[in-house]
Amino acid sequence: MNFLSTLLHRDTPHAPSHVGITLADASYHYADGTVGLAPTSCTFAPGEGNVAIIGLNGAGKSTLVRLLGAAAIPTGGSITFDLDGTDREPTHRAGRRRIEAAVGLVDLAHVESHFRRASSVEAALLEYLKRHGVSLDERIARVGALLERFDLLEVRHVPYEELDGERLHLLAMAVASATSPALLVADEPTRGLDEISSAHVARRLLSCGTPVIFSTHDVGLTTHEPYGITRTIVMDETHLVFDGEPQRAASFYTQLIRSKYQSLTSSARATAPSTSRTFDANRSGSASSESAR
């Protein structure tokens, strides 16, 4: 190992084997004042299995995922990461670096921006691990395991720009897993894929051997027993409104959507007679004007 590699090795935090996360009235406001997440308190215990977060667009699930993945820091309240029994907060630089080593964020945008010019999937992963100070022998062994785990062996020599949507998602998962984090966090990991590709990607992610916290619109995915989802959180209008067993969460979410639809339907029906009366009044007024002429 050369001097530079030694420095990189020394500067790269060791990934913990267990991660727990606690939010205490954690909230997030964007720069324009938009509320991304209302004050939220909940705990994710180490080793509790895969956790799903469901909700409509704008419900707050993506913001919550970004906080859990240390891609954002709460603007109110706090979030604490328990790394093998030691509490760390992302507000401190040293703590943030240790959190990033412990939590792998599946980020398709990150992969697209950093690996667009990669000559192949294998080269992209090797270069990523090199930047993290991993020795050559270890890089080769680890990349081989990642290619197999995420079903990328047959495209290992394919340039990044030639990958289809399904393989891009799988590569993002491989990159997030490359440094052996204790937890993976993903925001809608099957976004934009058809049913067959979604099932393949979900199976590879949720059966990869590392606990996953992920957001999704696919309620059926959250109740599929082979995926090992032990808990589902329901978000609505930036609030956490349900936290519990997947089947019960699915029923709650279905009823939530039904009530919102019924409310919209009732509003539309209430508006229709008023609109009709206005139209009739206008028509009557027009008729009177014609008679006057």
Protein backbone atom coordinates (compact mmCIF):
# COMPACT_ATOMS: atom_id res chain seq x y z
CA MET A 1 0.00 0.00 0.00
CA ASN A 2 1.49 3.39 -1.00
CA PHE A 3 1.56 6.52 1.14
CA LEU A 4 -1.56 8.04 -0.46
CA SER A 5 -3.54 4.83 -0.02
CA THR A 6 -2.44 4.69 3.61
CA LEU A 7 -3.76 8.20 4.18
CA LEU A 8 -7.05 7.36 2.50
CA HIS A 9 -7.38 4.20 4.57
CA ARG A 10 -6.70 6.10 7.77
CA ASP A 11 -9.16 8.85 6.81
CA THR A 12 -12.01 6.48 5.94
CA PRO A 13 -14.25 5.76 8.95
CA HIS A 14 -14.91 2.13 9.76
CA ALA A 15 -18.52 1.20 9.02
CA PRO A 16 -20.43 0.12 12.17
CA SER A 17 -22.24 -3.20 12.20
CA HIS A 18 -25.46 -1.79 13.72
CA VAL A 19 -27.32 1.47 13.16
CA GLY A 20 -30.29 2.92 15.01
CA ILE A 21 -31.96 6.25 14.23
CA THR A 22 -34.04 8.49 16.49
CA LEU A 23 -35.99 11.54 15.35
CA ALA A 24 -37.10 13.94 18.10
CA ASP A 25 -39.59 16.48 16.73
CA ALA A 26 -37.44 16.55 13.60
CA SER A 27 -38.82 18.84 10.90
CA TYR A 28 -37.61 20.27 7.62
CA HIS A 29 -38.39 23.49 5.76
CA TYR A 30 -37.00 24.16 2.31
CA ALA A 31 -35.34 27.47 1.44
CA ASP A 32 -38.55 28.83 -0.10
CA GLY A 33 -40.45 28.14 3.12
CA THR A 34 -42.17 24.98 1.90
CA VAL A 35 -42.71 22.42 4.65
CA GLY A 36 -41.05 19.15 3.71
CA LEU A 37 -41.65 17.42 7.03
CA ALA A 38 -43.74 18.48 10.03
CA PRO A 39 -42.29 17.79 13.51
CA THR A 40 -41.85 14.02 13.65
CA SER A 41 -40.73 11.70 16.43
CA CYS A 42 -39.97 8.04 15.80
CA THR A 43 -37.21 5.47 16.25
CA PHE A 44 -35.67 2.91 13.93
CA ALA A 45 -34.04 0.21 16.04
CA PRO A 46 -30.89 -1.62 14.90
CA GLY A 47 -31.67 -4.87 13.11
CA GLU A 48 -35.46 -4.48 12.99
CA GLY A 49 -35.64 -5.56 9.34
CA ASN A 50 -36.85 -3.76 6.24
CA VAL A 51 -39.08 -0.72 6.78
CA ALA A 52 -41.37 0.82 4.15
CA ILE A 53 -42.60 4.42 3.99
CA ILE A 54 -45.71 5.05 1.89
CA GLY A 55 -47.69 8.15 1.03
CA LEU A 56 -49.05 10.25 -1.81
CA ASN A 57 -46.92 12.79 -3.68
CA GLY A 58 -46.02 15.63 -1.34
CA ALA A 59 -46.72 13.56 1.76
CA GLY A 60 -43.19 14.07 3.11
CA LYS A 61 -41.74 10.62 2.55
CA SER A 62 -38.87 11.77 0.31
CA THR A 63 -37.86 14.42 2.83
CA LEU A 64 -37.93 11.84 5.61
CA VAL A 65 -35.74 9.49 3.54
CA ARG A 66 -33.21 12.29 2.91
CA LEU A 67 -32.97 12.92 6.66
CA LEU A 68 -32.53 9.22 7.38
CA GLY A 69 -29.82 9.01 4.73
CA ALA A 70 -28.02 12.09 6.14
CA ALA A 71 -28.52 13.85 2.81
CA ALA A 72 -30.27 16.65 4.71
CA ILE A 73 -30.18 18.00 8.26
CA PRO A 74 -33.39 18.86 10.15
CA THR A 75 -34.21 22.56 10.27
CA GLY A 76 -36.05 21.91 13.54
CA GLY A 77 -35.79 19.25 16.23
CA SER A 78 -33.04 16.65 15.93
CA ILE A 79 -31.99 13.33 14.44
CA THR A 80 -29.49 11.05 16.19
CA PHE A 81 -27.73 8.02 14.75
CA ASP A 82 -26.74 5.23 17.12
CA LEU A 83 -23.60 3.67 15.61
CA ASP A 84 -22.72 0.54 17.55
CA GLY A 85 -23.86 2.18 20.77
CA THR A 86 -22.31 5.61 20.14
CA ASP A 87 -24.63 8.52 19.33
CA ARG A 88 -23.69 10.71 16.37
CA GLU A 89 -25.41 13.75 14.90
CA PRO A 90 -25.09 14.95 11.28
CA THR A 91 -24.68 18.55 12.45
CA HIS A 92 -21.04 17.81 13.29
CA ARG A 93 -18.57 17.11 10.48
CA ALA A 94 -16.94 14.10 12.14
CA GLY A 95 -20.32 12.67 13.08
CA ARG A 96 -21.64 13.18 9.56
CA ARG A 97 -18.73 11.31 8.02
CA ARG A 98 -19.25 8.36 10.34
CA ILE A 99 -22.96 8.36 9.58
CA GLU A 100 -22.27 8.35 5.84
CA ALA A 101 -20.00 5.34 6.35
CA ALA A 102 -22.74 3.55 8.26
CA VAL A 103 -25.74 4.41 6.08
CA GLY A 104 -25.71 3.72 2.36
CA LEU A 105 -28.00 6.11 0.46
CA VAL A 106 -29.32 4.61 -2.78
CA ASP A 107 -29.18 7.75 -4.92
CA LEU A 108 -29.72 7.39 -8.67
CA ALA A 109 -28.98 11.09 -9.26
CA HIS A 110 -25.60 10.72 -7.51
CA VAL A 111 -24.70 7.74 -9.67
CA GLU A 112 -25.76 9.54 -12.84
CA SER A 113 -23.63 12.58 -12.04
CA HIS A 114 -20.52 10.68 -10.91
CA PHE A 115 -20.43 7.67 -13.23
CA ARG A 116 -21.82 8.98 -16.51
CA ARG A 117 -18.37 8.73 -18.13
CA ALA A 118 -17.48 5.34 -16.66
CA SER A 119 -16.20 2.90 -19.29
CA SER A 120 -18.12 0.06 -17.66
CA VAL A 121 -20.17 -0.91 -14.62
CA GLU A 122 -17.18 -2.77 -13.19
CA ALA A 123 -14.85 0.20 -13.72
CA ALA A 124 -17.33 2.53 -12.01
CA LEU A 125 -17.46 0.34 -8.89
CA LEU A 126 -13.69 -0.18 -8.80
CA GLU A 127 -13.07 3.57 -9.05
CA TYR A 128 -15.64 4.30 -6.32
CA LEU A 129 -13.93 1.91 -3.90
CA LYS A 130 -10.52 3.28 -4.83
CA ARG A 131 -11.69 6.75 -3.78
CA HIS A 132 -12.64 5.22 -0.44
CA GLY A 133 -9.13 3.89 0.14
CA VAL A 134 -9.90 0.20 -0.41
CA SER A 135 -6.90 -1.90 -1.45
CA LEU A 136 -6.75 -3.36 -4.98
CA ASP A 137 -7.25 -7.00 -3.93
CA GLU A 138 -10.16 -6.05 -1.70
CA ARG A 139 -11.67 -3.88 -4.45
CA ILE A 140 -11.63 -6.75 -6.93
CA ALA A 141 -13.17 -9.18 -4.45
CA ARG A 142 -15.82 -6.75 -3.28
CA VAL A 143 -16.84 -5.65 -6.79
CA GLY A 144 -17.24 -9.28 -7.86
CA ALA A 145 -19.58 -9.88 -4.93
CA LEU A 146 -21.58 -6.72 -5.68
CA LEU A 147 -21.98 -7.61 -9.36
CA GLU A 148 -23.38 -10.99 -8.38
CA ARG A 149 -25.58 -9.72 -5.55
CA PHE A 150 -27.27 -7.09 -7.73
CA ASP A 151 -27.44 -9.19 -10.91
CA LEU A 152 -24.99 -7.05 -12.88
CA LEU A 153 -22.52 -9.75 -13.95
CA GLU A 154 -23.72 -9.91 -17.55
CA VAL A 155 -23.35 -6.14 -17.97
CA ARG A 156 -20.09 -5.74 -16.03
CA HIS A 157 -18.24 -4.56 -19.16
CA VAL A 158 -21.11 -2.44 -20.52
CA PRO A 159 -20.53 1.36 -20.57
CA TYR A 160 -22.71 3.33 -18.17
CA GLU A 161 -24.45 5.23 -20.98
CA GLU A 162 -25.75 1.96 -22.47
CA LEU A 163 -27.48 0.73 -19.32
CA ASP A 164 -31.28 0.55 -19.25
CA GLY A 165 -33.37 1.94 -16.40
CA GLU A 166 -33.47 -1.32 -14.48
CA ARG A 167 -29.67 -1.73 -14.53
CA LEU A 168 -29.17 1.90 -13.50
CA HIS A 169 -31.26 1.29 -10.39
CA LEU A 170 -29.31 -1.88 -9.65
CA LEU A 171 -26.01 -0.02 -10.07
CA ALA A 172 -27.19 2.67 -7.63
CA MET A 173 -27.86 -0.09 -5.10
CA ALA A 174 -24.45 -1.64 -5.70
CA VAL A 175 -22.72 1.74 -5.19
CA ALA A 176 -24.66 2.34 -1.95
CA SER A 177 -23.63 -1.12 -0.72
CA ALA A 178 -19.98 -0.90 -1.84
CA THR A 179 -18.56 0.28 1.48
CA SER A 180 -20.48 -2.38 3.46
CA PRO A 181 -22.88 -0.06 5.35
CA ALA A 182 -25.02 -1.42 8.18
CA LEU A 183 -28.19 0.15 6.71
CA LEU A 184 -29.45 1.13 3.26
CA VAL A 185 -31.87 4.00 2.66
CA ALA A 186 -33.69 4.43 -0.66
CA ASP A 187 -36.25 6.88 -2.04
CA GLU A 188 -38.64 5.07 -4.39
CA PRO A 189 -36.03 2.58 -5.65
CA THR A 190 -38.37 1.25 -8.36
CA ARG A 191 -39.44 4.67 -9.71
CA GLY A 192 -40.07 4.73 -13.45
CA LEU A 193 -39.88 0.95 -13.93
CA ASP A 194 -42.53 -1.41 -15.27
CA GLU A 195 -44.00 -4.20 -13.15
CA ILE A 196 -41.45 -6.85 -14.12
CA SER A 197 -38.41 -4.60 -13.66
CA SER A 198 -39.84 -3.24 -10.39
CA ALA A 199 -40.22 -6.75 -8.99
CA HIS A 200 -36.65 -7.65 -9.99
CA VAL A 201 -35.15 -4.49 -8.46
CA ALA A 202 -37.22 -4.79 -5.28
CA ARG A 203 -36.21 -8.43 -4.83
CA ARG A 204 -32.50 -7.63 -5.24
CA LEU A 205 -32.64 -4.68 -2.85
CA LEU A 206 -34.83 -6.15 -0.12
CA SER A 207 -33.01 -9.49 -0.13
CA CYS A 208 -29.45 -8.12 -0.28
CA GLY A 209 -28.66 -9.00 3.33
CA THR A 210 -28.59 -5.41 4.63
CA PRO A 211 -31.64 -3.81 6.34
CA VAL A 212 -33.39 -1.27 4.11
CA ILE A 213 -35.59 1.75 4.85
CA PHE A 214 -37.30 2.81 1.65
CA SER A 215 -40.21 4.88 0.33
CA THR A 216 -42.67 3.65 -2.26
CA HIS A 217 -46.10 4.14 -3.83
CA ASP A 218 -46.50 0.39 -4.30
CA VAL A 219 -48.65 -0.80 -1.40
CA GLY A 220 -48.58 -4.38 -2.70
CA LEU A 221 -44.81 -4.41 -2.41
CA THR A 222 -44.99 -3.53 1.30
CA THR A 223 -47.11 -6.58 2.14
CA HIS A 224 -45.17 -9.13 0.06
CA GLU A 225 -43.88 -11.51 2.76
CA PRO A 226 -40.66 -12.65 0.99
CA TYR A 227 -39.39 -9.05 1.14
CA GLY A 228 -39.15 -9.21 4.93
CA ILE A 229 -40.83 -5.87 5.60
CA THR A 230 -41.55 -5.76 9.33
CA ARG A 231 -42.95 -2.24 9.60
CA THR A 232 -44.67 0.36 7.43
CA ILE A 233 -44.92 4.09 8.04
CA VAL A 234 -47.71 6.10 6.38
CA MET A 235 -47.10 9.78 5.61
CA ASP A 236 -49.81 12.31 4.80
CA GLU A 237 -49.43 16.04 4.22
CA THR A 238 -45.91 16.04 5.77
CA HIS A 239 -47.10 14.21 8.92
CA LEU A 240 -46.47 10.66 10.12
CA VAL A 241 -50.03 9.33 10.50
CA PHE A 242 -49.49 5.58 10.97
CA ASP A 243 -46.61 3.40 12.11
CA GLY A 244 -47.09 -0.32 12.44
CA GLU A 245 -47.52 -3.76 10.91
CA PRO A 246 -47.52 -3.78 7.05
CA GLN A 247 -50.98 -5.32 6.53
CA ARG A 248 -52.61 -2.87 8.93
CA ALA A 249 -50.70 0.00 7.36
CA ALA A 250 -51.92 -1.04 3.89
CA SER A 251 -55.53 -1.05 5.12
CA PHE A 252 -55.04 2.34 6.77
CA TYR A 253 -53.50 3.80 3.62
CA THR A 254 -56.27 2.40 1.40
CA GLN A 255 -58.89 3.97 3.66
CA LEU A 256 -56.95 7.25 3.68
CA ILE A 257 -56.95 7.40 -0.12
CA ARG A 258 -60.64 6.44 -0.22
CA SER A 259 -61.58 9.22 2.19
CA LYS A 260 -59.59 11.77 0.17
CA TYR A 261 -61.29 10.63 -3.04
CA GLN A 262 -64.74 10.83 -1.44
CA SER A 263 -63.97 14.31 -0.15
CA LEU A 264 -62.94 15.45 -3.63
CA THR A 265 -66.05 13.88 -5.15
CA SER A 266 -68.32 15.56 -2.60
CA SER A 267 -66.68 18.92 -3.27
CA ALA A 268 -67.16 18.47 -7.01
CA ARG A 269 -70.84 17.60 -6.55
CA ALA A 270 -71.37 20.59 -4.28
CA THR A 271 -69.79 22.88 -6.84
CA ALA A 272 -71.71 21.52 -9.84
CA PRO A 273 -75.25 22.88 -8.94
CA SER A 274 -73.77 26.30 -8.18
CA THR A 275 -72.02 26.35 -11.52
CA SER A 276 -75.22 25.22 -13.23
CA ARG A 277 -77.25 27.97 -11.58
CA THR A 278 -74.70 30.56 -12.62
CA PHE A 279 -74.82 29.27 -16.21
CA ASP A 280 -78.66 29.37 -16.21
CA ALA A 281 -78.68 32.88 -14.78
CA ASN A 282 -76.23 34.07 -17.40
CA ARG A 283 -78.26 32.41 -20.13
CA SER A 284 -81.46 34.00 -18.82
CA GLY A 285 -79.82 37.41 -18.71
CA SER A 286 -78.61 37.01 -22.26
CA ALA A 287 -82.10 36.06 -23.40
CA SER A 288 -83.57 39.16 -21.72
CA SER A 289 -81.02 41.35 -23.44
CA GLU A 290 -81.90 39.86 -26.82
CA SER A 291 -85.62 40.52 -26.18
CA ALA A 292 -84.85 44.08 -25.23
CA ARG A 293 -83.06 44.57 -28.53
